[in-house]
Amino acid sequence: MSCTTGKRRYRDRIGAQLALAVIRRRSNQRRRETRAYRCGACNGWHLASKP
């Protein structure tokens, strides 16, 4: 799923945090997402690289 912002949408906070855990475990650290946040546009969750 996606959002009108163009970012990938996660249904809930747990799903977003699981995605963060997978990103952190990968040896290829090209992605730098560090946190999950609730989106006001779609009411879903997104990942952010800024603290």
PDB file of N, CA and C in Angstrom:
ATOM      1  N   MET A   1       0.837  -1.190   0.000  1.00  0.00           N
ATOM      2  CA  MET A   1       0.000   0.000   0.000  1.00  0.00           C
ATOM      3  C   MET A   1       0.872   1.239   0.000  1.00  0.00           C
ATOM      4  N   SER A   2       0.316   2.304  -0.513  1.00  0.00           N
ATOM      5  CA  SER A   2       1.048   3.561  -0.487  1.00  0.00           C
ATOM      6  C   SER A   2       0.135   4.681  -0.033  1.00  0.00           C
ATOM      7  N   CYS A   3       0.707   5.815   0.148  1.00  0.00           N
ATOM      8  CA  CYS A   3       0.022   6.994   0.656  1.00  0.00           C
ATOM      9  C   CYS A   3       0.081   8.086  -0.407  1.00  0.00           C
ATOM     10  N   THR A   4      -0.739   9.094  -0.259  1.00  0.00           N
ATOM     11  CA  THR A   4      -0.693  10.222  -1.194  1.00  0.00           C
ATOM     12  C   THR A   4       0.643  10.959  -1.114  1.00  0.00           C
ATOM     13  N   THR A   5       1.386  10.740  -0.028  1.00  0.00           N
ATOM     14  CA  THR A   5       2.702  11.362   0.108  1.00  0.00           C
ATOM     15  C   THR A   5       3.751  10.649  -0.741  1.00  0.00           C
ATOM     16  N   GLY A   6       3.400   9.445  -1.227  1.00  0.00           N
ATOM     17  CA  GLY A   6       4.336   8.659  -2.015  1.00  0.00           C
ATOM     18  C   GLY A   6       5.156   7.690  -1.188  1.00  0.00           C
ATOM     19  N   LYS A   7       4.990   7.729   0.119  1.00  0.00           N
ATOM     20  CA  LYS A   7       5.731   6.831   0.986  1.00  0.00           C
ATOM     21  C   LYS A   7       4.985   5.518   1.157  1.00  0.00           C
ATOM     22  N   ARG A   8       5.719   4.495   1.509  1.00  0.00           N
ATOM     23  CA  ARG A   8       5.110   3.193   1.770  1.00  0.00           C
ATOM     24  C   ARG A   8       4.308   3.276   3.062  1.00  0.00           C
ATOM     25  N   ARG A   9       3.116   2.731   3.030  1.00  0.00           N
ATOM     26  CA  ARG A   9       2.220   2.799   4.186  1.00  0.00           C
ATOM     27  C   ARG A   9       2.206   1.459   4.905  1.00  0.00           C
ATOM     28  N   TYR A  10       2.368   1.527   6.221  1.00  0.00           N
ATOM     29  CA  TYR A  10       2.229   0.356   7.073  1.00  0.00           C
ATOM     30  C   TYR A  10       0.918   0.498   7.835  1.00  0.00           C
ATOM     31  N   ARG A  11       0.219  -0.602   8.003  1.00  0.00           N
ATOM     32  CA  ARG A  11      -1.113  -0.590   8.587  1.00  0.00           C
ATOM     33  C   ARG A  11      -1.105  -0.162  10.046  1.00  0.00           C
ATOM     34  N   ASP A  12      -0.063  -0.575  10.777  1.00  0.00           N
ATOM     35  CA  ASP A  12      -0.007  -0.240  12.201  1.00  0.00           C
ATOM     36  C   ASP A  12       1.437  -0.029  12.639  1.00  0.00           C
ATOM     37  N   ARG A  13       1.582   0.424  13.879  1.00  0.00           N
ATOM     38  CA  ARG A  13       2.909   0.733  14.416  1.00  0.00           C
ATOM     39  C   ARG A  13       3.786  -0.511  14.480  1.00  0.00           C
ATOM     40  N   ILE A  14       3.203  -1.628  14.828  1.00  0.00           N
ATOM     41  CA  ILE A  14       3.974  -2.869  14.938  1.00  0.00           C
ATOM     42  C   ILE A  14       4.546  -3.271  13.582  1.00  0.00           C
ATOM     43  N   GLY A  15       3.752  -3.154  12.530  1.00  0.00           N
ATOM     44  CA  GLY A  15       4.235  -3.473  11.190  1.00  0.00           C
ATOM     45  C   GLY A  15       5.396  -2.586  10.778  1.00  0.00           C
ATOM     46  N   ALA A  16       5.298  -1.307  11.103  1.00  0.00           N
ATOM     47  CA  ALA A  16       6.375  -0.376  10.775  1.00  0.00           C
ATOM     48  C   ALA A  16       7.631  -0.697  11.578  1.00  0.00           C
ATOM     49  N   GLN A  17       7.464  -1.041  12.853  1.00  0.00           N
ATOM     50  CA  GLN A  17       8.621  -1.369  13.676  1.00  0.00           C
ATOM     51  C   GLN A  17       9.276  -2.677  13.240  1.00  0.00           C
ATOM     52  N   LEU A  18       8.482  -3.631  12.786  1.00  0.00           N
ATOM     53  CA  LEU A  18       9.054  -4.867  12.253  1.00  0.00           C
ATOM     54  C   LEU A  18       9.865  -4.585  10.994  1.00  0.00           C
ATOM     55  N   ALA A  19       9.365  -3.699  10.148  1.00  0.00           N
ATOM     56  CA  ALA A  19      10.111  -3.322   8.944  1.00  0.00           C
ATOM     57  C   ALA A  19      11.434  -2.660   9.328  1.00  0.00           C
ATOM     58  N   LEU A  20      11.422  -1.819  10.358  1.00  0.00           N
ATOM     59  CA  LEU A  20      12.663  -1.202  10.840  1.00  0.00           C
ATOM     60  C   LEU A  20      13.653  -2.259  11.317  1.00  0.00           C
ATOM     61  N   ALA A  21      13.155  -3.259  12.021  1.00  0.00           N
ATOM     62  CA  ALA A  21      14.023  -4.324  12.520  1.00  0.00           C
ATOM     63  C   ALA A  21      14.683  -5.072  11.372  1.00  0.00           C
ATOM     64  N   VAL A  22      13.942  -5.327  10.318  1.00  0.00           N
ATOM     65  CA  VAL A  22      14.496  -6.018   9.147  1.00  0.00           C
ATOM     66  C   VAL A  22      15.573  -5.154   8.495  1.00  0.00           C
ATOM     67  N   ILE A  23      15.306  -3.880   8.359  1.00  0.00           N
ATOM     68  CA  ILE A  23      16.280  -2.962   7.757  1.00  0.00           C
ATOM     69  C   ILE A  23      17.567  -2.938   8.572  1.00  0.00           C
ATOM     70  N   ARG A  24      17.440  -2.910   9.881  1.00  0.00           N
ATOM     71  CA  ARG A  24      18.620  -2.856  10.757  1.00  0.00           C
ATOM     72  C   ARG A  24      19.442  -4.140  10.700  1.00  0.00           C
ATOM     73  N   ARG A  25      18.793  -5.269  10.454  1.00  0.00           N
ATOM     74  CA  ARG A  25      19.493  -6.558  10.432  1.00  0.00           C
ATOM     75  C   ARG A  25      20.224  -6.817   9.124  1.00  0.00           C
ATOM     76  N   ARG A  26      19.826  -6.156   8.063  1.00  0.00           N
ATOM     77  CA  ARG A  26      20.462  -6.382   6.765  1.00  0.00           C
ATOM     78  C   ARG A  26      21.903  -5.917   6.798  1.00  0.00           C
ATOM     79  N   SER A  27      22.747  -6.650   6.115  1.00  0.00           N
ATOM     80  CA  SER A  27      24.149  -6.247   6.055  1.00  0.00           C
ATOM     81  C   SER A  27      24.328  -5.042   5.139  1.00  0.00           C
ATOM     82  N   ASN A  28      23.427  -4.889   4.159  1.00  0.00           N
ATOM     83  CA  ASN A  28      23.478  -3.751   3.246  1.00  0.00           C
ATOM     84  C   ASN A  28      22.695  -2.598   3.863  1.00  0.00           C
ATOM     85  N   GLN A  29      23.372  -1.659   4.446  1.00  0.00           N
ATOM     86  CA  GLN A  29      22.739  -0.570   5.178  1.00  0.00           C
ATOM     87  C   GLN A  29      22.503   0.674   4.307  1.00  0.00           C
ATOM     88  N   ARG A  30      22.004   0.485   3.097  1.00  0.00           N
ATOM     89  CA  ARG A  30      21.743   1.629   2.220  1.00  0.00           C
ATOM     90  C   ARG A  30      20.585   2.471   2.718  1.00  0.00           C
ATOM     91  N   ARG A  31      19.612   1.833   3.337  1.00  0.00           N
ATOM     92  CA  ARG A  31      18.478   2.574   3.876  1.00  0.00           C
ATOM     93  C   ARG A  31      18.826   3.056   5.275  1.00  0.00           C
ATOM     94  N   ARG A  32      18.390   4.249   5.606  1.00  0.00           N
ATOM     95  CA  ARG A  32      18.775   4.840   6.885  1.00  0.00           C
ATOM     96  C   ARG A  32      17.577   5.189   7.772  1.00  0.00           C
ATOM     97  N   GLU A  33      16.463   4.522   7.568  1.00  0.00           N
ATOM     98  CA  GLU A  33      15.306   4.808   8.399  1.00  0.00           C
ATOM     99  C   GLU A  33      15.617   4.474   9.851  1.00  0.00           C
ATOM    100  N   THR A  34      15.176   5.348  10.746  1.00  0.00           N
ATOM    101  CA  THR A  34      15.498   5.174  12.158  1.00  0.00           C
ATOM    102  C   THR A  34      14.268   5.137  13.057  1.00  0.00           C
ATOM    103  N   ARG A  35      13.116   5.535  12.531  1.00  0.00           N
ATOM    104  CA  ARG A  35      11.931   5.573  13.381  1.00  0.00           C
ATOM    105  C   ARG A  35      10.666   5.436  12.549  1.00  0.00           C
ATOM    106  N   ALA A  36       9.567   5.138  13.234  1.00  0.00           N
ATOM    107  CA  ALA A  36       8.255   5.054  12.605  1.00  0.00           C
ATOM    108  C   ALA A  36       7.407   6.215  13.116  1.00  0.00           C
ATOM    109  N   TYR A  37       6.531   6.715  12.272  1.00  0.00           N
ATOM    110  CA  TYR A  37       5.642   7.800  12.698  1.00  0.00           C
ATOM    111  C   TYR A  37       4.279   7.650  12.047  1.00  0.00           C
ATOM    112  N   ARG A  38       3.267   8.183  12.689  1.00  0.00           N
ATOM    113  CA  ARG A  38       1.900   8.138  12.177  1.00  0.00           C
ATOM    114  C   ARG A  38       1.695   9.271  11.184  1.00  0.00           C
ATOM    115  N   CYS A  39       1.096   8.957  10.053  1.00  0.00           N
ATOM    116  CA  CYS A  39       0.867   9.929   8.984  1.00  0.00           C
ATOM    117  C   CYS A  39      -0.520  10.544   9.123  1.00  0.00           C
ATOM    118  N   GLY A  40      -0.583  11.852   9.060  1.00  0.00           N
ATOM    119  CA  GLY A  40      -1.852  12.546   9.136  1.00  0.00           C
ATOM    120  C   GLY A  40      -2.656  12.467   7.850  1.00  0.00           C
ATOM    121  N   ALA A  41      -1.986  12.187   6.732  1.00  0.00           N
ATOM    122  CA  ALA A  41      -2.668  12.144   5.441  1.00  0.00           C
ATOM    123  C   ALA A  41      -3.427  10.835   5.232  1.00  0.00           C
ATOM    124  N   CYS A  42      -2.856   9.710   5.675  1.00  0.00           N
ATOM    125  CA  CYS A  42      -3.488   8.407   5.403  1.00  0.00           C
ATOM    126  C   CYS A  42      -3.843   7.628   6.668  1.00  0.00           C
ATOM    127  N   ASN A  43      -3.464   8.165   7.823  1.00  0.00           N
ATOM    128  CA  ASN A  43      -3.704   7.498   9.106  1.00  0.00           C
ATOM    129  C   ASN A  43      -2.941   6.192   9.240  1.00  0.00           C
ATOM    130  N   GLY A  44      -1.972   5.982   8.386  1.00  0.00           N
ATOM    131  CA  GLY A  44      -1.128   4.804   8.471  1.00  0.00           C
ATOM    132  C   GLY A  44       0.193   5.172   9.128  1.00  0.00           C
ATOM    133  N   TRP A  45       1.170   4.306   8.985  1.00  0.00           N
ATOM    134  CA  TRP A  45       2.492   4.531   9.562  1.00  0.00           C
ATOM    135  C   TRP A  45       3.538   4.527   8.463  1.00  0.00           C
ATOM    136  N   HIS A  46       4.559   5.364   8.615  1.00  0.00           N
ATOM    137  CA  HIS A  46       5.659   5.460   7.665  1.00  0.00           C
ATOM    138  C   HIS A  46       6.980   5.367   8.425  1.00  0.00           C
ATOM    139  N   LEU A  47       8.049   5.179   7.677  1.00  0.00           N
ATOM    140  CA  LEU A  47       9.386   5.162   8.248  1.00  0.00           C
ATOM    141  C   LEU A  47      10.079   6.471   7.881  1.00  0.00           C
ATOM    142  N   ALA A  48      10.896   6.953   8.802  1.00  0.00           N
ATOM    143  CA  ALA A  48      11.603   8.218   8.582  1.00  0.00           C
ATOM    144  C   ALA A  48      13.079   8.051   8.890  1.00  0.00           C
ATOM    145  N   SER A  49      13.897   8.785   8.161  1.00  0.00           N
ATOM    146  CA  SER A  49      15.338   8.746   8.416  1.00  0.00           C
ATOM    147  C   SER A  49      15.772   9.860   9.365  1.00  0.00           C
ATOM    148  N   LYS A  50      14.960  10.871   9.526  1.00  0.00           N
ATOM    149  CA  LYS A  50      15.290  11.975  10.423  1.00  0.00           C
ATOM    150  C   LYS A  50      14.799  11.653  11.833  1.00  0.00           C
ATOM    151  N   PRO A  51      15.611  11.981  12.825  1.00  0.00           N
ATOM    152  CA  PRO A  51      15.232  11.684  14.230  1.00  0.00           C
ATOM    153  C   PRO A  51      13.987  12.429  14.687  1.00  0.00           C
TER     154      PRO A  51
END
